[in-house]
Amino acid sequence: GGISISGDVNVTLMPGIYYLQGGGLKVTGKGDFVGLNVLIYNDPRSAADNIDIAGLGKVHITAPVSGTYQGIAFYQRRDATNTITVSGNGKTKIQGAYYLANGTTQFVGNATGDILATQVVASQAAIAGNGQVIIDWIETNVARTRTIGLVE
């Protein structure tokens, strides 16, 4: 299932992979949402299984710094068309790539919060609002590239 966080609670994700098999991720309320060295993998089962981060508190997520998913903060199943929406109502800082091959990313920055990401791979991207949306490519914080070669 998914994860739903609301109210005035602070949530800290321990380092690792969070596999959401249906249900998506919903973050609302005034509490902080922090996850360092995490990958949030969305495997939606319906059109409603989106990732929606819209809280008023601090949001700080960093992608893994090593391993298979190095540099990727959000990864969605490749054939899924679901949406990741990040609303910068508080201080929002997500260091890592968003990978939604057939999905949509929506960034809505408000005057009180900025949205920071390092890379976005999506079918569609929408940016709106009065705040700043900064996609700042940092070589050490992006997904690894594959090297394919012929070996004899």
N, C-alpha and C. Protein backbone atom coordinates (compact mmCIF):
# COMPACT_ATOMS: atom_id res chain seq x y z
N GLY A 1 0.82 -1.20 0.00
CA GLY A 1 0.00 0.00 0.00
C GLY A 1 0.85 1.24 0.00
N GLY A 2 0.21 2.37 0.09
CA GLY A 2 0.90 3.64 0.06
C GLY A 2 1.18 4.20 1.44
N ILE A 3 1.65 5.44 1.45
CA ILE A 3 1.94 6.15 2.69
C ILE A 3 1.14 7.44 2.68
N SER A 4 0.45 7.73 3.78
CA SER A 4 -0.31 8.97 3.91
C SER A 4 0.09 9.63 5.23
N ILE A 5 0.56 10.88 5.14
CA ILE A 5 1.02 11.62 6.31
C ILE A 5 0.25 12.93 6.37
N SER A 6 -0.38 13.21 7.51
CA SER A 6 -1.13 14.46 7.65
C SER A 6 -1.03 14.95 9.08
N GLY A 7 -1.50 16.16 9.30
CA GLY A 7 -1.50 16.72 10.64
C GLY A 7 -0.19 17.42 10.95
N ASP A 8 0.09 17.52 12.25
CA ASP A 8 1.25 18.25 12.74
C ASP A 8 2.32 17.29 13.25
N VAL A 9 2.68 16.30 12.41
CA VAL A 9 3.67 15.31 12.80
C VAL A 9 4.94 15.47 11.95
N ASN A 10 6.08 15.18 12.55
CA ASN A 10 7.34 15.18 11.83
C ASN A 10 7.68 13.74 11.48
N VAL A 11 8.01 13.49 10.22
CA VAL A 11 8.32 12.14 9.76
C VAL A 11 9.72 12.13 9.18
N THR A 12 10.54 11.18 9.65
CA THR A 12 11.88 10.99 9.13
C THR A 12 11.99 9.59 8.57
N LEU A 13 12.29 9.48 7.28
CA LEU A 13 12.49 8.18 6.64
C LEU A 13 13.93 7.76 6.84
N MET A 14 14.14 6.53 7.25
CA MET A 14 15.48 5.99 7.38
C MET A 14 16.03 5.73 5.98
N PRO A 15 17.35 5.72 5.79
CA PRO A 15 17.93 5.45 4.47
C PRO A 15 17.44 4.12 3.91
N GLY A 16 17.15 4.11 2.60
CA GLY A 16 16.71 2.88 1.96
C GLY A 16 15.72 3.14 0.85
N ILE A 17 15.11 2.07 0.38
CA ILE A 17 14.14 2.12 -0.71
C ILE A 17 12.74 1.96 -0.12
N TYR A 18 11.84 2.86 -0.48
CA TYR A 18 10.44 2.81 -0.04
C TYR A 18 9.62 2.44 -1.27
N TYR A 19 9.14 1.21 -1.29
CA TYR A 19 8.40 0.65 -2.41
C TYR A 19 6.91 0.79 -2.13
N LEU A 20 6.24 1.64 -2.93
CA LEU A 20 4.82 1.92 -2.76
C LEU A 20 4.03 1.10 -3.78
N GLN A 21 3.51 -0.04 -3.37
CA GLN A 21 2.75 -0.89 -4.27
C GLN A 21 1.28 -0.54 -4.14
N GLY A 22 0.87 0.46 -4.92
CA GLY A 22 -0.49 0.98 -4.82
C GLY A 22 -0.59 1.95 -3.67
N GLY A 23 -1.47 2.90 -3.79
CA GLY A 23 -1.70 3.86 -2.71
C GLY A 23 -0.95 5.15 -2.83
N GLY A 24 0.21 5.16 -3.46
CA GLY A 24 0.98 6.39 -3.64
C GLY A 24 1.52 6.95 -2.34
N LEU A 25 1.85 8.23 -2.37
CA LEU A 25 2.38 8.95 -1.20
C LEU A 25 1.65 10.27 -1.11
N LYS A 26 1.07 10.55 0.06
CA LYS A 26 0.36 11.81 0.30
C LYS A 26 0.96 12.46 1.53
N VAL A 27 1.47 13.68 1.40
CA VAL A 27 2.03 14.42 2.53
C VAL A 27 1.30 15.75 2.61
N THR A 28 0.56 15.96 3.70
CA THR A 28 -0.13 17.23 3.95
C THR A 28 0.09 17.59 5.41
N GLY A 29 -0.30 18.77 5.79
CA GLY A 29 -0.18 19.18 7.19
C GLY A 29 1.02 20.09 7.42
N LYS A 30 1.32 20.32 8.70
CA LYS A 30 2.35 21.29 9.07
C LYS A 30 3.67 20.65 9.48
N GLY A 31 3.73 19.34 9.57
CA GLY A 31 4.94 18.68 10.03
C GLY A 31 6.02 18.61 8.95
N ASP A 32 7.24 18.28 9.39
CA ASP A 32 8.36 18.13 8.47
C ASP A 32 8.39 16.71 7.92
N PHE A 33 8.88 16.58 6.68
CA PHE A 33 9.02 15.30 6.01
C PHE A 33 10.45 15.22 5.50
N VAL A 34 11.25 14.37 6.12
CA VAL A 34 12.69 14.30 5.82
C VAL A 34 13.07 12.86 5.51
N GLY A 35 13.86 12.68 4.47
CA GLY A 35 14.39 11.37 4.11
C GLY A 35 15.73 11.53 3.44
N LEU A 36 16.79 11.14 4.12
CA LEU A 36 18.15 11.26 3.57
C LEU A 36 18.60 9.90 3.07
N ASN A 37 19.15 9.87 1.86
CA ASN A 37 19.58 8.63 1.20
C ASN A 37 18.40 7.69 0.97
N VAL A 38 17.32 8.22 0.40
CA VAL A 38 16.14 7.39 0.14
C VAL A 38 15.75 7.43 -1.35
N LEU A 39 15.17 6.34 -1.78
CA LEU A 39 14.52 6.25 -3.08
C LEU A 39 13.07 5.92 -2.80
N ILE A 40 12.16 6.68 -3.37
CA ILE A 40 10.74 6.41 -3.25
C ILE A 40 10.28 5.86 -4.60
N TYR A 41 9.95 4.57 -4.61
CA TYR A 41 9.56 3.87 -5.83
C TYR A 41 8.05 3.73 -5.85
N ASN A 42 7.41 4.33 -6.84
CA ASN A 42 5.95 4.29 -6.96
C ASN A 42 5.55 3.23 -7.98
N ASP A 43 4.82 2.22 -7.52
CA ASP A 43 4.29 1.15 -8.36
C ASP A 43 2.77 1.22 -8.30
N PRO A 44 2.16 2.19 -9.02
CA PRO A 44 0.72 2.43 -8.89
C PRO A 44 -0.13 1.28 -9.41
N ARG A 45 -1.28 1.09 -8.74
CA ARG A 45 -2.26 0.08 -9.15
C ARG A 45 -3.52 0.73 -9.72
N SER A 46 -3.66 2.06 -9.54
CA SER A 46 -4.81 2.78 -10.08
C SER A 46 -4.36 4.20 -10.45
N ALA A 47 -5.24 4.91 -11.13
CA ALA A 47 -4.94 6.29 -11.54
C ALA A 47 -4.81 7.23 -10.35
N ALA A 48 -5.33 6.85 -9.19
CA ALA A 48 -5.28 7.71 -8.00
C ALA A 48 -4.00 7.51 -7.17
N ASP A 49 -3.15 6.57 -7.54
CA ASP A 49 -1.95 6.26 -6.76
C ASP A 49 -0.79 7.18 -7.12
N ASN A 50 -1.01 8.46 -6.89
CA ASN A 50 -0.02 9.48 -7.22
C ASN A 50 0.86 9.80 -6.02
N ILE A 51 1.91 10.55 -6.26
CA ILE A 51 2.71 11.11 -5.18
C ILE A 51 2.36 12.58 -5.10
N ASP A 52 1.90 13.01 -3.93
CA ASP A 52 1.46 14.39 -3.73
C ASP A 52 2.08 14.92 -2.44
N ILE A 53 3.06 15.80 -2.58
CA ILE A 53 3.74 16.39 -1.43
C ILE A 53 3.32 17.85 -1.37
N ALA A 54 2.47 18.18 -0.40
CA ALA A 54 1.90 19.53 -0.33
C ALA A 54 1.86 20.06 1.09
N GLY A 55 2.71 19.59 1.94
CA GLY A 55 2.68 20.03 3.33
C GLY A 55 3.19 21.44 3.51
N LEU A 56 2.93 21.99 4.68
CA LEU A 56 3.38 23.34 5.02
C LEU A 56 4.74 23.33 5.73
N GLY A 57 5.18 22.17 6.14
CA GLY A 57 6.45 22.06 6.85
C GLY A 57 7.62 21.91 5.89
N LYS A 58 8.78 21.64 6.46
CA LYS A 58 10.00 21.45 5.66
C LYS A 58 9.95 20.08 5.00
N VAL A 59 10.31 20.03 3.73
CA VAL A 59 10.46 18.77 3.00
C VAL A 59 11.91 18.72 2.52
N HIS A 60 12.64 17.70 2.97
CA HIS A 60 14.03 17.55 2.56
C HIS A 60 14.28 16.08 2.25
N ILE A 61 14.52 15.80 0.99
CA ILE A 61 14.76 14.43 0.54
C ILE A 61 16.06 14.42 -0.26
N THR A 62 16.92 13.45 0.05
CA THR A 62 18.13 13.27 -0.76
C THR A 62 18.14 11.84 -1.27
N ALA A 63 18.62 11.69 -2.49
CA ALA A 63 18.70 10.39 -3.13
C ALA A 63 19.88 9.59 -2.59
N PRO A 64 19.88 8.28 -2.81
CA PRO A 64 21.04 7.48 -2.40
C PRO A 64 22.31 7.98 -3.08
N VAL A 65 23.43 7.90 -2.38
CA VAL A 65 24.70 8.39 -2.93
C VAL A 65 25.53 7.26 -3.54
N SER A 66 25.06 6.02 -3.44
CA SER A 66 25.77 4.90 -4.05
C SER A 66 24.75 3.81 -4.36
N GLY A 67 25.19 2.81 -5.10
CA GLY A 67 24.33 1.68 -5.40
C GLY A 67 23.60 1.83 -6.73
N THR A 68 22.73 0.90 -7.00
CA THR A 68 22.00 0.83 -8.27
C THR A 68 21.19 2.09 -8.53
N TYR A 69 20.57 2.65 -7.50
CA TYR A 69 19.68 3.80 -7.67
C TYR A 69 20.34 5.11 -7.24
N GLN A 70 21.64 5.17 -7.33
CA GLN A 70 22.38 6.38 -6.97
C GLN A 70 21.81 7.59 -7.70
N GLY A 71 21.52 8.64 -6.95
CA GLY A 71 21.07 9.89 -7.54
C GLY A 71 19.60 9.97 -7.88
N ILE A 72 18.80 8.92 -7.63
CA ILE A 72 17.38 8.93 -7.98
C ILE A 72 16.55 9.04 -6.71
N ALA A 73 15.77 10.11 -6.59
CA ALA A 73 14.91 10.31 -5.42
C ALA A 73 13.54 9.67 -5.62
N PHE A 74 12.97 9.84 -6.83
CA PHE A 74 11.65 9.27 -7.14
C PHE A 74 11.77 8.46 -8.43
N TYR A 75 11.24 7.25 -8.38
CA TYR A 75 11.23 6.39 -9.56
C TYR A 75 9.84 5.79 -9.66
N GLN A 76 9.25 5.92 -10.83
CA GLN A 76 7.92 5.36 -11.04
C GLN A 76 7.99 4.27 -12.10
N ARG A 77 7.21 3.22 -11.90
CA ARG A 77 7.18 2.13 -12.88
C ARG A 77 7.07 2.72 -14.29
N ARG A 78 7.86 2.23 -15.20
CA ARG A 78 8.01 2.86 -16.52
C ARG A 78 6.73 3.01 -17.32
N ASP A 79 5.80 2.08 -17.21
CA ASP A 79 4.59 2.19 -18.01
C ASP A 79 3.48 2.98 -17.31
N ALA A 80 3.70 3.40 -16.08
CA ALA A 80 2.67 4.13 -15.32
C ALA A 80 2.57 5.58 -15.79
N THR A 81 1.35 6.09 -15.84
CA THR A 81 1.09 7.46 -16.27
C THR A 81 0.72 8.38 -15.11
N ASN A 82 0.96 7.95 -13.90
CA ASN A 82 0.59 8.72 -12.71
C ASN A 82 1.44 9.98 -12.58
N THR A 83 1.06 10.81 -11.61
CA THR A 83 1.65 12.14 -11.44
C THR A 83 2.37 12.26 -10.11
N ILE A 84 3.47 12.99 -10.13
CA ILE A 84 4.13 13.44 -8.91
C ILE A 84 3.91 14.95 -8.84
N THR A 85 3.27 15.41 -7.76
CA THR A 85 3.04 16.84 -7.55
C THR A 85 3.79 17.27 -6.30
N VAL A 86 4.62 18.29 -6.44
CA VAL A 86 5.34 18.85 -5.31
C VAL A 86 4.96 20.32 -5.22
N SER A 87 4.35 20.69 -4.10
CA SER A 87 3.95 22.07 -3.87
C SER A 87 4.87 22.67 -2.83
N GLY A 88 5.54 23.74 -3.18
CA GLY A 88 6.48 24.37 -2.27
C GLY A 88 5.80 25.33 -1.31
N ASN A 89 5.08 24.80 -0.34
CA ASN A 89 4.41 25.65 0.64
C ASN A 89 5.32 25.96 1.82
N GLY A 90 6.27 25.09 2.05
CA GLY A 90 7.28 25.31 3.09
C GLY A 90 8.63 25.32 2.41
N LYS A 91 9.67 24.95 3.12
CA LYS A 91 10.99 24.83 2.50
C LYS A 91 11.09 23.44 1.89
N THR A 92 11.14 23.37 0.57
CA THR A 92 11.17 22.10 -0.14
C THR A 92 12.50 21.95 -0.85
N LYS A 93 13.23 20.91 -0.50
CA LYS A 93 14.53 20.66 -1.12
C LYS A 93 14.62 19.17 -1.38
N ILE A 94 14.61 18.80 -2.65
CA ILE A 94 14.72 17.40 -3.04
C ILE A 94 15.95 17.28 -3.92
N GLN A 95 16.97 16.64 -3.40
CA GLN A 95 18.21 16.47 -4.15
C GLN A 95 18.21 15.08 -4.76
N GLY A 96 17.94 15.04 -6.04
CA GLY A 96 17.89 13.77 -6.74
C GLY A 96 17.00 13.87 -7.95
N ALA A 97 17.05 12.84 -8.76
CA ALA A 97 16.30 12.81 -10.00
C ALA A 97 14.88 12.31 -9.79
N TYR A 98 13.98 12.80 -10.62
CA TYR A 98 12.61 12.31 -10.71
C TYR A 98 12.58 11.50 -12.01
N TYR A 99 12.20 10.24 -11.94
CA TYR A 99 12.11 9.43 -13.14
C TYR A 99 10.70 8.91 -13.28
N LEU A 100 9.98 9.44 -14.26
CA LEU A 100 8.61 9.04 -14.59
C LEU A 100 8.51 8.95 -16.10
N ALA A 101 8.96 7.88 -16.69
CA ALA A 101 9.06 7.77 -18.14
C ALA A 101 7.77 8.14 -18.86
N ASN A 102 6.61 7.72 -18.35
CA ASN A 102 5.33 8.01 -18.97
C ASN A 102 4.43 8.85 -18.08
N GLY A 103 4.96 9.35 -16.99
CA GLY A 103 4.17 10.12 -16.03
C GLY A 103 4.38 11.62 -16.18
N THR A 104 3.78 12.35 -15.25
CA THR A 104 3.82 13.81 -15.26
C THR A 104 4.37 14.31 -13.93
N THR A 105 5.23 15.31 -14.00
CA THR A 105 5.66 16.00 -12.80
C THR A 105 4.99 17.37 -12.78
N GLN A 106 4.50 17.75 -11.62
CA GLN A 106 3.90 19.08 -11.44
C GLN A 106 4.61 19.75 -10.28
N PHE A 107 5.15 20.93 -10.54
CA PHE A 107 5.79 21.72 -9.50
C PHE A 107 4.98 23.00 -9.32
N VAL A 108 4.54 23.24 -8.09
CA VAL A 108 3.76 24.44 -7.80
C VAL A 108 4.47 25.16 -6.66
N GLY A 109 5.25 26.18 -7.02
CA GLY A 109 6.00 26.93 -6.02
C GLY A 109 5.19 28.13 -5.54
N ASN A 110 5.07 28.27 -4.24
CA ASN A 110 4.38 29.42 -3.67
C ASN A 110 5.39 30.41 -3.12
N ALA A 111 4.95 31.61 -2.80
CA ALA A 111 5.86 32.67 -2.39
C ALA A 111 6.66 32.32 -1.15
N THR A 112 6.15 31.42 -0.32
CA THR A 112 6.86 31.10 0.92
C THR A 112 7.81 29.92 0.78
N GLY A 113 7.82 29.25 -0.36
CA GLY A 113 8.68 28.07 -0.49
C GLY A 113 9.21 27.89 -1.89
N ASP A 114 10.43 27.41 -1.99
CA ASP A 114 11.05 27.12 -3.27
C ASP A 114 11.13 25.61 -3.44
N ILE A 115 11.16 25.16 -4.68
CA ILE A 115 11.29 23.74 -4.98
C ILE A 115 12.62 23.55 -5.69
N LEU A 116 13.42 22.61 -5.20
CA LEU A 116 14.72 22.32 -5.78
C LEU A 116 14.76 20.86 -6.17
N ALA A 117 15.18 20.58 -7.39
CA ALA A 117 15.37 19.21 -7.86
C ALA A 117 16.67 19.19 -8.66
N THR A 118 17.25 18.00 -8.87
CA THR A 118 18.49 17.94 -9.63
C THR A 118 18.32 17.43 -11.05
N GLN A 119 17.25 16.71 -11.33
CA GLN A 119 17.03 16.19 -12.68
C GLN A 119 15.59 15.72 -12.79
N VAL A 120 14.95 15.91 -13.95
CA VAL A 120 13.58 15.46 -14.16
C VAL A 120 13.51 14.73 -15.49
N VAL A 121 13.06 13.47 -15.44
CA VAL A 121 12.82 12.68 -16.65
C VAL A 121 11.36 12.30 -16.59
N ALA A 122 10.54 12.89 -17.48
CA ALA A 122 9.10 12.66 -17.44
C ALA A 122 8.51 12.85 -18.82
N SER A 123 7.33 12.28 -19.02
CA SER A 123 6.61 12.49 -20.27
C SER A 123 6.14 13.93 -20.38
N GLN A 124 5.69 14.49 -19.25
CA GLN A 124 5.24 15.88 -19.20
C GLN A 124 5.70 16.51 -17.90
N ALA A 125 5.96 17.82 -17.95
CA ALA A 125 6.30 18.57 -16.74
C ALA A 125 5.50 19.86 -16.75
N ALA A 126 4.92 20.21 -15.61
CA ALA A 126 4.14 21.44 -15.49
C ALA A 126 4.70 22.23 -14.30
N ILE A 127 4.92 23.52 -14.53
CA ILE A 127 5.45 24.39 -13.48
C ILE A 127 4.52 25.57 -13.34
N ALA A 128 4.10 25.87 -12.09
CA ALA A 128 3.17 26.97 -11.85
C ALA A 128 3.46 27.59 -10.49
N GLY A 129 2.82 28.71 -10.24
CA GLY A 129 2.90 29.33 -8.93
C GLY A 129 3.75 30.58 -8.90
N ASN A 130 3.91 31.12 -7.68
CA ASN A 130 4.63 32.37 -7.49
C ASN A 130 6.03 32.19 -6.94
N GLY A 131 6.37 31.01 -6.48
CA GLY A 131 7.69 30.77 -5.91
C GLY A 131 8.67 30.35 -6.99
N GLN A 132 9.83 29.89 -6.55
CA GLN A 132 10.85 29.45 -7.48
C GLN A 132 10.84 27.94 -7.61
N VAL A 133 11.04 27.48 -8.83
CA VAL A 133 11.28 26.07 -9.09
C VAL A 133 12.66 26.02 -9.74
N ILE A 134 13.59 25.35 -9.07
CA ILE A 134 14.97 25.31 -9.53
C ILE A 134 15.34 23.86 -9.83
N ILE A 135 15.68 23.58 -11.07
CA ILE A 135 16.18 22.26 -11.44
C ILE A 135 17.66 22.45 -11.71
N ASP A 136 18.46 22.07 -10.71
CA ASP A 136 19.88 22.36 -10.68
C ASP A 136 20.66 21.06 -10.83
N TRP A 137 21.12 20.80 -12.04
CA TRP A 137 21.85 19.58 -12.31
C TRP A 137 23.19 19.61 -11.61
N ILE A 138 23.40 18.65 -10.72
CA ILE A 138 24.66 18.52 -10.00
C ILE A 138 25.20 17.15 -10.34
N GLU A 139 26.36 17.10 -10.96
CA GLU A 139 26.88 15.84 -11.50
C GLU A 139 26.94 14.72 -10.47
N THR A 140 27.28 15.03 -9.25
CA THR A 140 27.41 13.98 -8.24
C THR A 140 26.06 13.54 -7.67
N ASN A 141 24.97 14.23 -7.99
CA ASN A 141 23.65 13.90 -7.44
C ASN A 141 22.67 13.38 -8.48
N VAL A 142 23.15 12.97 -9.64
CA VAL A 142 22.23 12.48 -10.67
C VAL A 142 22.41 10.98 -10.86
N ALA A 143 21.45 10.41 -11.54
CA ALA A 143 21.47 8.97 -11.78
C ALA A 143 22.68 8.59 -12.64
N ARG A 144 23.18 7.39 -12.38
CA ARG A 144 24.31 6.90 -13.15
C ARG A 144 23.89 6.65 -14.59
N THR A 145 24.83 6.76 -15.51
CA THR A 145 24.56 6.42 -16.90
C THR A 145 25.16 5.05 -17.18
N ARG A 146 24.49 4.32 -18.02
CA ARG A 146 24.99 3.00 -18.38
C ARG A 146 26.03 3.12 -19.48
N THR A 147 27.03 2.30 -19.41
CA THR A 147 28.02 2.21 -20.47
C THR A 147 27.85 0.84 -21.09
N ILE A 148 27.56 0.83 -22.37
CA ILE A 148 27.35 -0.42 -23.09
C ILE A 148 28.48 -0.58 -24.07
N GLY A 149 29.08 -1.74 -24.07
CA GLY A 149 30.20 -1.98 -24.97
C GLY A 149 30.21 -3.42 -25.43
N LEU A 150 31.01 -3.67 -26.41
CA LEU A 150 31.16 -5.01 -26.96
C LEU A 150 32.44 -5.61 -26.39
N VAL A 151 32.30 -6.80 -25.84
CA VAL A 151 33.45 -7.48 -25.26
C VAL A 151 33.71 -8.75 -26.03
N GLU A 152 34.97 -8.96 -26.38
CA GLU A 152 35.30 -10.15 -27.15
C GLU A 152 35.91 -11.20 -26.25
